[in-house]
PDB file of N, CA and C in Angstrom:
ATOM      1  N   MET A   1       8.381  -3.365  -1.185  1.00  0.00           N
ATOM      2  CA  MET A   1       7.273  -3.324  -2.212  1.00  0.00           C
ATOM      3  C   MET A   1       7.626  -4.222  -3.472  1.00  0.00           C
ATOM      4  N   ASN A   2       6.232  -4.829  -3.744  1.00  0.00           N
ATOM      5  CA  ASN A   2       6.381  -5.902  -4.716  1.00  0.00           C
ATOM      6  C   ASN A   2       5.375  -5.584  -5.852  1.00  0.00           C
ATOM      7  N   ALA A   3       5.278  -6.642  -6.811  1.00  0.00           N
ATOM      8  CA  ALA A   3       4.495  -6.601  -7.851  1.00  0.00           C
ATOM      9  C   ALA A   3       2.975  -6.390  -7.476  1.00  0.00           C
ATOM     10  N   ALA A   4       2.515  -7.247  -6.437  1.00  0.00           N
ATOM     11  CA  ALA A   4       1.187  -7.124  -6.070  1.00  0.00           C
ATOM     12  C   ALA A   4       0.667  -5.821  -5.501  1.00  0.00           C
ATOM     13  N   ASP A   5       1.650  -5.174  -4.916  1.00  0.00           N
ATOM     14  CA  ASP A   5       1.345  -3.689  -4.607  1.00  0.00           C
ATOM     15  C   ASP A   5       1.024  -3.006  -5.779  1.00  0.00           C
ATOM     16  N   LEU A   6       1.887  -2.853  -6.787  1.00  0.00           N
ATOM     17  CA  LEU A   6       1.702  -2.060  -7.860  1.00  0.00           C
ATOM     18  C   LEU A   6       0.503  -2.496  -8.770  1.00  0.00           C
ATOM     19  N   ARG A   7       0.102  -3.771  -8.756  1.00  0.00           N
ATOM     20  CA  ARG A   7      -1.244  -4.326  -9.358  1.00  0.00           C
ATOM     21  C   ARG A   7      -2.341  -3.818  -8.753  1.00  0.00           C
ATOM     22  N   ARG A   8      -2.283  -3.616  -7.397  1.00  0.00           N
ATOM     23  CA  ARG A   8      -3.342  -2.865  -6.671  1.00  0.00           C
ATOM     24  C   ARG A   8      -3.607  -1.460  -6.934  1.00  0.00           C
ATOM     25  N   LEU A   9      -2.461  -0.792  -6.934  1.00  0.00           N
ATOM     26  CA  LEU A   9      -2.439   0.517  -7.591  1.00  0.00           C
ATOM     27  C   LEU A   9      -2.944   0.668  -8.956  1.00  0.00           C
ATOM     28  N   ALA A  10      -2.465   0.006  -9.492  1.00  0.00           N
ATOM     29  CA  ALA A  10      -2.886   0.072 -11.153  1.00  0.00           C
ATOM     30  C   ALA A  10      -4.477  -0.212 -11.243  1.00  0.00           C
ATOM     31  N   GLY A  11      -4.842  -1.203 -10.394  1.00  0.00           N
ATOM     32  CA  GLY A  11      -6.239  -1.421 -10.405  1.00  0.00           C
ATOM     33  C   GLY A  11      -7.212   0.001  -9.910  1.00  0.00           C
ATOM     34  N   HIS A  12      -6.614   0.646  -8.844  1.00  0.00           N
ATOM     35  CA  HIS A  12      -7.204   1.781  -8.393  1.00  0.00           C
ATOM     36  C   HIS A  12      -7.085   2.756  -9.478  1.00  0.00           C
ATOM     37  N   LEU A  13      -6.174   2.940 -10.225  1.00  0.00           N
ATOM     38  CA  LEU A  13      -6.115   4.020 -11.298  1.00  0.00           C
ATOM     39  C   LEU A  13      -6.892   3.525 -12.249  1.00  0.00           C
ATOM     40  N   ARG A  14      -6.946   2.434 -12.748  1.00  0.00           N
ATOM     41  CA  ARG A  14      -8.120   2.109 -13.747  1.00  0.00           C
ATOM     42  C   ARG A  14      -9.539   2.457 -13.357  1.00  0.00           C
ATOM     43  N   ASN A  15      -9.835   2.476 -12.088  1.00  0.00           N
ATOM     44  CA  ASN A  15     -11.128   2.885 -11.633  1.00  0.00           C
ATOM     45  C   ASN A  15     -11.348   4.352 -11.870  1.00  0.00           C
ATOM     46  N   HIS A  16     -10.350   4.898 -11.867  1.00  0.00           N
ATOM     47  CA  HIS A  16     -10.540   6.385 -12.157  1.00  0.00           C
ATOM     48  C   HIS A  16     -10.457   6.796 -13.717  1.00  0.00           C
ATOM     49  N   GLY A  17     -10.446   5.656 -14.435  1.00  0.00           N
ATOM     50  CA  GLY A  17     -10.527   5.706 -16.122  1.00  0.00           C
ATOM     51  C   GLY A  17      -9.328   6.018 -16.469  1.00  0.00           C
ATOM     52  N   LEU A  18      -8.071   5.894 -15.872  1.00  0.00           N
ATOM     53  CA  LEU A  18      -6.682   6.007 -16.368  1.00  0.00           C
ATOM     54  C   LEU A  18      -6.177   4.675 -17.015  1.00  0.00           C
ATOM     55  N   GLN A  19      -5.585   4.938 -18.150  1.00  0.00           N
ATOM     56  CA  GLN A  19      -5.055   3.488 -18.820  1.00  0.00           C
ATOM     57  C   GLN A  19      -3.458   3.510 -18.164  1.00  0.00           C
ATOM     58  N   VAL A  20      -3.437   2.287 -17.697  1.00  0.00           N
ATOM     59  CA  VAL A  20      -2.134   1.944 -16.959  1.00  0.00           C
ATOM     60  C   VAL A  20      -1.506   0.798 -17.633  1.00  0.00           C
ATOM     61  N   VAL A  21      -0.074   0.871 -17.838  1.00  0.00           N
ATOM     62  CA  VAL A  21       0.864  -0.224 -18.377  1.00  0.00           C
ATOM     63  C   VAL A  21       1.945  -0.281 -17.335  1.00  0.00           C
ATOM     64  N   ALA A  22       2.015  -1.588 -17.028  1.00  0.00           N
ATOM     65  CA  ALA A  22       3.355  -1.974 -16.165  1.00  0.00           C
ATOM     66  C   ALA A  22       4.473  -2.091 -16.896  1.00  0.00           C
ATOM     67  N   LEU A  23       5.613  -1.269 -16.623  1.00  0.00           N
ATOM     68  CA  LEU A  23       6.844  -1.359 -17.247  1.00  0.00           C
ATOM     69  C   LEU A  23       7.796  -2.233 -16.549  1.00  0.00           C
ATOM     70  N   GLU A  24       8.436  -3.149 -17.110  1.00  0.00           N
ATOM     71  CA  GLU A  24       9.718  -3.832 -16.714  1.00  0.00           C
ATOM     72  C   GLU A  24      11.037  -3.438 -17.354  1.00  0.00           C
ATOM     73  N   PRO A  25      11.940  -3.547 -16.691  1.00  0.00           N
ATOM     74  CA  PRO A  25      12.257  -3.931 -15.512  1.00  0.00           C
ATOM     75  C   PRO A  25      12.198  -2.803 -14.404  1.00  0.00           C
ATOM     76  N   GLY A  26      12.061  -3.057 -13.187  1.00  0.00           N
ATOM     77  CA  GLY A  26      12.033  -1.861 -12.164  1.00  0.00           C
ATOM     78  C   GLY A  26      10.748  -1.556 -11.536  1.00  0.00           C
ATOM     79  N   LEU A  27       9.734  -2.465 -11.840  1.00  0.00           N
ATOM     80  CA  LEU A  27       8.499  -2.085 -10.949  1.00  0.00           C
ATOM     81  C   LEU A  27       7.938  -0.749 -11.325  1.00  0.00           C
ATOM     82  N   ARG A  28       7.486  -0.334 -12.518  1.00  0.00           N
ATOM     83  CA  ARG A  28       7.208   0.964 -12.855  1.00  0.00           C
ATOM     84  C   ARG A  28       5.767   0.902 -13.402  1.00  0.00           C
ATOM     85  N   LEU A  29       4.922   2.059 -13.066  1.00  0.00           N
ATOM     86  CA  LEU A  29       3.657   1.995 -13.817  1.00  0.00           C
ATOM     87  C   LEU A  29       3.539   3.173 -14.726  1.00  0.00           C
ATOM     88  N   HIS A  30       2.899   3.027 -15.950  1.00  0.00           N
ATOM     89  CA  HIS A  30       2.777   4.270 -16.793  1.00  0.00           C
ATOM     90  C   HIS A  30       1.561   4.447 -16.915  1.00  0.00           C
ATOM     91  N   ALA A  31       0.773   5.670 -16.269  1.00  0.00           N
ATOM     92  CA  ALA A  31      -0.388   5.994 -16.136  1.00  0.00           C
ATOM     93  C   ALA A  31      -0.774   7.411 -17.261  1.00  0.00           C
ATOM     94  N   THR A  32      -1.901   7.193 -17.935  1.00  0.00           N
ATOM     95  CA  THR A  32      -2.167   8.096 -18.784  1.00  0.00           C
ATOM     96  C   THR A  32      -3.879   8.308 -18.741  1.00  0.00           C
ATOM     97  N   ASN A  33      -4.105   9.823 -19.030  1.00  0.00           N
ATOM     98  CA  ASN A  33      -5.507  10.091 -19.024  1.00  0.00           C
ATOM     99  C   ASN A  33      -5.948   9.995 -20.531  1.00  0.00           C
ATOM    100  N   PRO A  34      -6.757   8.886 -20.841  1.00  0.00           N
ATOM    101  CA  PRO A  34      -7.052   8.554 -22.299  1.00  0.00           C
ATOM    102  C   PRO A  34      -7.801   9.571 -23.000  1.00  0.00           C
ATOM    103  N   LEU A  35      -8.344  10.631 -22.428  1.00  0.00           N
ATOM    104  CA  LEU A  35      -8.897  11.816 -23.127  1.00  0.00           C
ATOM    105  C   LEU A  35      -8.154  12.930 -23.265  1.00  0.00           C
ATOM    106  N   HIS A  36      -6.812  12.840 -22.455  1.00  0.00           N
ATOM    107  CA  HIS A  36      -5.865  13.841 -22.767  1.00  0.00           C
ATOM    108  C   HIS A  36      -4.371  13.315 -22.760  1.00  0.00           C
ATOM    109  N   ARG A  37      -4.156  12.585 -23.804  1.00  0.00           N
ATOM    110  CA  ARG A  37      -2.908  11.804 -24.046  1.00  0.00           C
ATOM    111  C   ARG A  37      -1.667  12.439 -23.455  1.00  0.00           C
ATOM    112  N   LEU A  38      -1.702  13.697 -23.522  1.00  0.00           N
ATOM    113  CA  LEU A  38      -0.323  14.351 -23.068  1.00  0.00           C
ATOM    114  C   LEU A  38      -0.263  14.349 -21.526  1.00  0.00           C
ATOM    115  N   LEU A  39      -1.278  13.965 -20.826  1.00  0.00           N
ATOM    116  CA  LEU A  39      -1.409  13.915 -19.426  1.00  0.00           C
ATOM    117  C   LEU A  39      -1.056  12.507 -18.939  1.00  0.00           C
ATOM    118  N   THR A  40       0.193  12.342 -18.662  1.00  0.00           N
ATOM    119  CA  THR A  40       0.753  11.167 -18.440  1.00  0.00           C
ATOM    120  C   THR A  40       1.727  11.026 -17.218  1.00  0.00           C
ATOM    121  N   GLU A  41       2.101  10.024 -16.637  1.00  0.00           N
ATOM    122  CA  GLU A  41       3.120  10.137 -15.486  1.00  0.00           C
ATOM    123  C   GLU A  41       3.535   8.465 -15.247  1.00  0.00           C
ATOM    124  N   GLU A  42       4.747   8.575 -14.861  1.00  0.00           N
ATOM    125  CA  GLU A  42       5.406   7.194 -14.416  1.00  0.00           C
ATOM    126  C   GLU A  42       5.492   7.152 -12.966  1.00  0.00           C
ATOM    127  N   ILE A  43       5.210   6.045 -12.329  1.00  0.00           N
ATOM    128  CA  ILE A  43       5.086   5.985 -10.973  1.00  0.00           C
ATOM    129  C   ILE A  43       6.289   4.704 -10.604  1.00  0.00           C
ATOM    130  N   VAL A  44       6.914   5.009  -9.625  1.00  0.00           N
ATOM    131  CA  VAL A  44       7.797   3.986  -9.256  1.00  0.00           C
ATOM    132  C   VAL A  44       7.726   3.799  -7.700  1.00  0.00           C
ATOM    133  N   ALA A  45       8.107   2.777  -7.379  1.00  0.00           N
ATOM    134  CA  ALA A  45       8.044   2.262  -5.918  1.00  0.00           C
ATOM    135  C   ALA A  45       9.423   2.574  -5.252  1.00  0.00           C
ATOM    136  N   GLU A  46       9.792   3.515  -4.350  1.00  0.00           N
ATOM    137  CA  GLU A  46      10.989   3.838  -3.847  1.00  0.00           C
ATOM    138  C   GLU A  46      10.835   3.392  -2.238  1.00  0.00           C
ATOM    139  N   GLY A  47      11.396   2.551  -1.806  1.00  0.00           N
ATOM    140  CA  GLY A  47      11.181   2.139  -0.538  1.00  0.00           C
ATOM    141  C   GLY A  47       9.644   1.625  -0.158  1.00  0.00           C
ATOM    142  N   GLY A  48       9.036   2.286   0.785  1.00  0.00           N
ATOM    143  CA  GLY A  48       7.660   2.029   0.930  1.00  0.00           C
ATOM    144  C   GLY A  48       6.817   3.010   0.522  1.00  0.00           C
ATOM    145  N   ARG A  49       7.313   3.870  -0.558  1.00  0.00           N
ATOM    146  CA  ARG A  49       6.596   5.022  -1.105  1.00  0.00           C
ATOM    147  C   ARG A  49       6.312   4.937  -2.381  1.00  0.00           C
ATOM    148  N   TYR A  50       5.310   5.471  -3.053  1.00  0.00           N
ATOM    149  CA  TYR A  50       5.043   5.703  -4.566  1.00  0.00           C
ATOM    150  C   TYR A  50       5.625   7.112  -4.751  1.00  0.00           C
ATOM    151  N   VAL A  51       6.408   7.122  -6.117  1.00  0.00           N
ATOM    152  CA  VAL A  51       6.970   8.463  -6.328  1.00  0.00           C
ATOM    153  C   VAL A  51       6.505   8.640  -7.919  1.00  0.00           C
ATOM    154  N   THR A  52       6.312   9.735  -8.290  1.00  0.00           N
ATOM    155  CA  THR A  52       6.106  10.043  -9.779  1.00  0.00           C
ATOM    156  C   THR A  52       7.610  10.291 -10.479  1.00  0.00           C
ATOM    157  N   SER A  53       7.635  10.368 -11.592  1.00  0.00           N
ATOM    158  CA  SER A  53       8.974  10.783 -12.168  1.00  0.00           C
ATOM    159  C   SER A  53       9.337  12.183 -11.934  1.00  0.00           C
ATOM    160  N   PHE A  54       8.547  13.006 -11.533  1.00  0.00           N
ATOM    161  CA  PHE A  54       8.956  14.226 -11.252  1.00  0.00           C
ATOM    162  C   PHE A  54       9.347  14.372  -9.864  1.00  0.00           C
ATOM    163  N   SER A  55       9.563  13.208  -9.040  1.00  0.00           N
ATOM    164  CA  SER A  55       9.897  13.188  -7.565  1.00  0.00           C
ATOM    165  C   SER A  55       8.693  13.515  -6.681  1.00  0.00           C
ATOM    166  N   TYR A  56       7.622  13.591  -7.221  1.00  0.00           N
ATOM    167  CA  TYR A  56       6.451  13.908  -6.193  1.00  0.00           C
ATOM    168  C   TYR A  56       5.943  12.701  -5.600  1.00  0.00           C
ATOM    169  N   GLU A  57       5.975  12.762  -4.436  1.00  0.00           N
ATOM    170  CA  GLU A  57       5.470  11.545  -3.544  1.00  0.00           C
ATOM    171  C   GLU A  57       3.934  11.511  -3.360  1.00  0.00           C
ATOM    172  N   ILE A  58       3.371  10.424  -3.969  1.00  0.00           N
ATOM    173  CA  ILE A  58       1.861  10.408  -3.879  1.00  0.00           C
ATOM    174  C   ILE A  58       1.211   9.417  -2.669  1.00  0.00           C
ATOM    175  N   GLY A  59       2.294   8.687  -2.034  1.00  0.00           N
ATOM    176  CA  GLY A  59       1.861   8.149  -0.792  1.00  0.00           C
ATOM    177  C   GLY A  59       2.694   6.929  -0.569  1.00  0.00           C
ATOM    178  N   GLU A  60       2.141   6.092   0.272  1.00  0.00           N
ATOM    179  CA  GLU A  60       2.843   5.134   0.917  1.00  0.00           C
ATOM    180  C   GLU A  60       2.006   3.772   0.736  1.00  0.00           C
ATOM    181  N   ARG A  61       2.907   2.625   0.691  1.00  0.00           N
ATOM    182  CA  ARG A  61       2.482   1.185   0.445  1.00  0.00           C
ATOM    183  C   ARG A  61       1.285   0.989   1.452  1.00  0.00           C
ATOM    184  N   GLY A  62       0.320   0.310   1.034  1.00  0.00           N
ATOM    185  CA  GLY A  62      -0.823  -0.029   1.938  1.00  0.00           C
ATOM    186  C   GLY A  62      -1.867   0.966   1.765  1.00  0.00           C
ATOM    187  N   ARG A  63      -1.715   1.987   1.130  1.00  0.00           N
ATOM    188  CA  ARG A  63      -2.600   3.091   0.691  1.00  0.00           C
ATOM    189  C   ARG A  63      -2.749   3.446  -0.461  1.00  0.00           C
ATOM    190  N   GLU A  64      -2.966   2.459  -1.339  1.00  0.00           N
ATOM    191  CA  GLU A  64      -2.999   2.496  -2.883  1.00  0.00           C
ATOM    192  C   GLU A  64      -4.214   3.219  -3.205  1.00  0.00           C
ATOM    193  N   GLU A  65      -5.148   3.127  -2.769  1.00  0.00           N
ATOM    194  CA  GLU A  65      -6.549   3.844  -3.272  1.00  0.00           C
ATOM    195  C   GLU A  65      -6.278   5.503  -2.994  1.00  0.00           C
ATOM    196  N   GLU A  66      -5.717   5.815  -1.960  1.00  0.00           N
ATOM    197  CA  GLU A  66      -5.373   7.250  -1.751  1.00  0.00           C
ATOM    198  C   GLU A  66      -4.252   7.709  -2.771  1.00  0.00           C
ATOM    199  N   CYS A  67      -3.318   6.920  -2.918  1.00  0.00           N
ATOM    200  CA  CYS A  67      -2.297   7.163  -4.149  1.00  0.00           C
ATOM    201  C   CYS A  67      -2.976   7.398  -5.302  1.00  0.00           C
ATOM    202  N   ALA A  68      -3.871   6.471  -5.654  1.00  0.00           N
ATOM    203  CA  ALA A  68      -4.584   6.462  -7.070  1.00  0.00           C
ATOM    204  C   ALA A  68      -5.593   7.927  -7.206  1.00  0.00           C
ATOM    205  N   ASP A  69      -6.073   8.151  -6.217  1.00  0.00           N
ATOM    206  CA  ASP A  69      -6.712   9.665  -5.973  1.00  0.00           C
ATOM    207  C   ASP A  69      -5.959  10.681  -6.272  1.00  0.00           C
ATOM    208  N   ARG A  70      -4.664  10.524  -5.685  1.00  0.00           N
ATOM    209  CA  ARG A  70      -3.805  11.849  -5.877  1.00  0.00           C
ATOM    210  C   ARG A  70      -3.434  11.717  -7.518  1.00  0.00           C
ATOM    211  N   MET A  71      -3.139  10.614  -7.962  1.00  0.00           N
ATOM    212  CA  MET A  71      -2.656  10.722  -9.284  1.00  0.00           C
ATOM    213  C   MET A  71      -3.682  11.089 -10.328  1.00  0.00           C
ATOM    214  N   ALA A  72      -5.091  10.520  -9.891  1.00  0.00           N
ATOM    215  CA  ALA A  72      -6.210  10.868 -10.875  1.00  0.00           C
ATOM    216  C   ALA A  72      -6.237  12.342 -10.787  1.00  0.00           C
ATOM    217  N   HIS A  73      -5.990  13.141  -9.506  1.00  0.00           N
ATOM    218  CA  HIS A  73      -6.090  14.542  -9.593  1.00  0.00           C
ATOM    219  C   HIS A  73      -5.053  15.254 -10.477  1.00  0.00           C
ATOM    220  N   LEU A  74      -3.888  14.640 -10.392  1.00  0.00           N
ATOM    221  CA  LEU A  74      -2.819  15.200 -11.192  1.00  0.00           C
ATOM    222  C   LEU A  74      -3.041  15.125 -12.708  1.00  0.00           C
ATOM    223  N   LEU A  75      -3.613  14.029 -13.067  1.00  0.00           N
ATOM    224  CA  LEU A  75      -4.005  13.623 -14.348  1.00  0.00           C
ATOM    225  C   LEU A  75      -5.166  14.138 -14.749  1.00  0.00           C
ATOM    226  N   ALA A  76      -5.972  14.933 -14.068  1.00  0.00           N
ATOM    227  CA  ALA A  76      -7.103  15.428 -14.507  1.00  0.00           C
ATOM    228  C   ALA A  76      -8.273  14.383 -14.799  1.00  0.00           C
ATOM    229  N   ALA A  77      -8.189  13.295 -13.983  1.00  0.00           N
ATOM    230  CA  ALA A  77      -9.222  12.115 -14.103  1.00  0.00           C
ATOM    231  C   ALA A  77     -10.038  12.067 -12.845  1.00  0.00           C
ATOM    232  N   SER A  78     -11.207  11.434 -13.171  1.00  0.00           N
ATOM    233  CA  SER A  78     -11.992  11.432 -11.881  1.00  0.00           C
ATOM    234  C   SER A  78     -12.667  10.054 -12.006  1.00  0.00           C
ATOM    235  N   ARG A  79     -13.383   9.540 -10.877  1.00  0.00           N
ATOM    236  CA  ARG A  79     -13.981   8.280 -10.883  1.00  0.00           C
ATOM    237  C   ARG A  79     -15.274   8.521 -11.586  1.00  0.00           C
ATOM    238  N   PRO A  80     -15.755   7.377 -12.332  1.00  0.00           N
ATOM    239  CA  PRO A  80     -17.249   7.551 -12.975  1.00  0.00           C
ATOM    240  C   PRO A  80     -18.163   7.864 -12.002  1.00  0.00           C
ATOM    241  N   THR A  81     -19.262   8.533 -12.289  1.00  0.00           N
ATOM    242  CA  THR A  81     -20.568   8.669 -11.678  1.00  0.00           C
ATOM    243  C   THR A  81     -21.033   7.464 -11.582  1.00  0.00           C
ATOM    244  N   ARG A  82     -22.156   7.399 -10.759  1.00  0.00           N
ATOM    245  CA  ARG A  82     -22.936   6.181 -10.717  1.00  0.00           C
ATOM    246  C   ARG A  82     -23.851   6.081 -12.231  1.00  0.00           C
ATOM    247  N   ALA A  83     -24.214   6.941 -12.619  1.00  0.00           N
ATOM    248  CA  ALA A  83     -24.773   7.123 -13.999  1.00  0.00           C
ATOM    249  C   ALA A  83     -24.068   6.695 -15.146  1.00  0.00           C
ATOM    250  N   GLU A  84     -22.703   7.191 -15.126  1.00  0.00           N
ATOM    251  CA  GLU A  84     -21.662   6.640 -16.105  1.00  0.00           C
ATOM    252  C   GLU A  84     -21.460   5.219 -15.876  1.00  0.00           C
ATOM    253  N   ALA A  85     -21.287   4.713 -14.704  1.00  0.00           N
ATOM    254  CA  ALA A  85     -20.944   3.496 -14.335  1.00  0.00           C
ATOM    255  C   ALA A  85     -21.896   2.414 -14.795  1.00  0.00           C
ATOM    256  N   SER A  86     -23.239   2.714 -14.961  1.00  0.00           N
ATOM    257  CA  SER A  86     -24.267   1.798 -15.437  1.00  0.00           C
ATOM    258  C   SER A  86     -24.455   1.697 -16.811  1.00  0.00           C
TER     259      SER A  86
END
């Protein structure tokens, strides 16, 4: 797993409206729902999988969009509708 994989995941998380900060060292992401600041989670890469700070596995490398969908669900976020995106 490398930084490019986490950048892809971060981009998909941002598409859901989450705020994402990359934390160093250790290739970690910190995702927060900006509408509910207490809903936050850290994501780390362990081997070929993404795992939350509560050891919840959200998916595998190469499937970053699906992982972001799972995280958005956990953090009560959703993708903007077409009306919101315009």
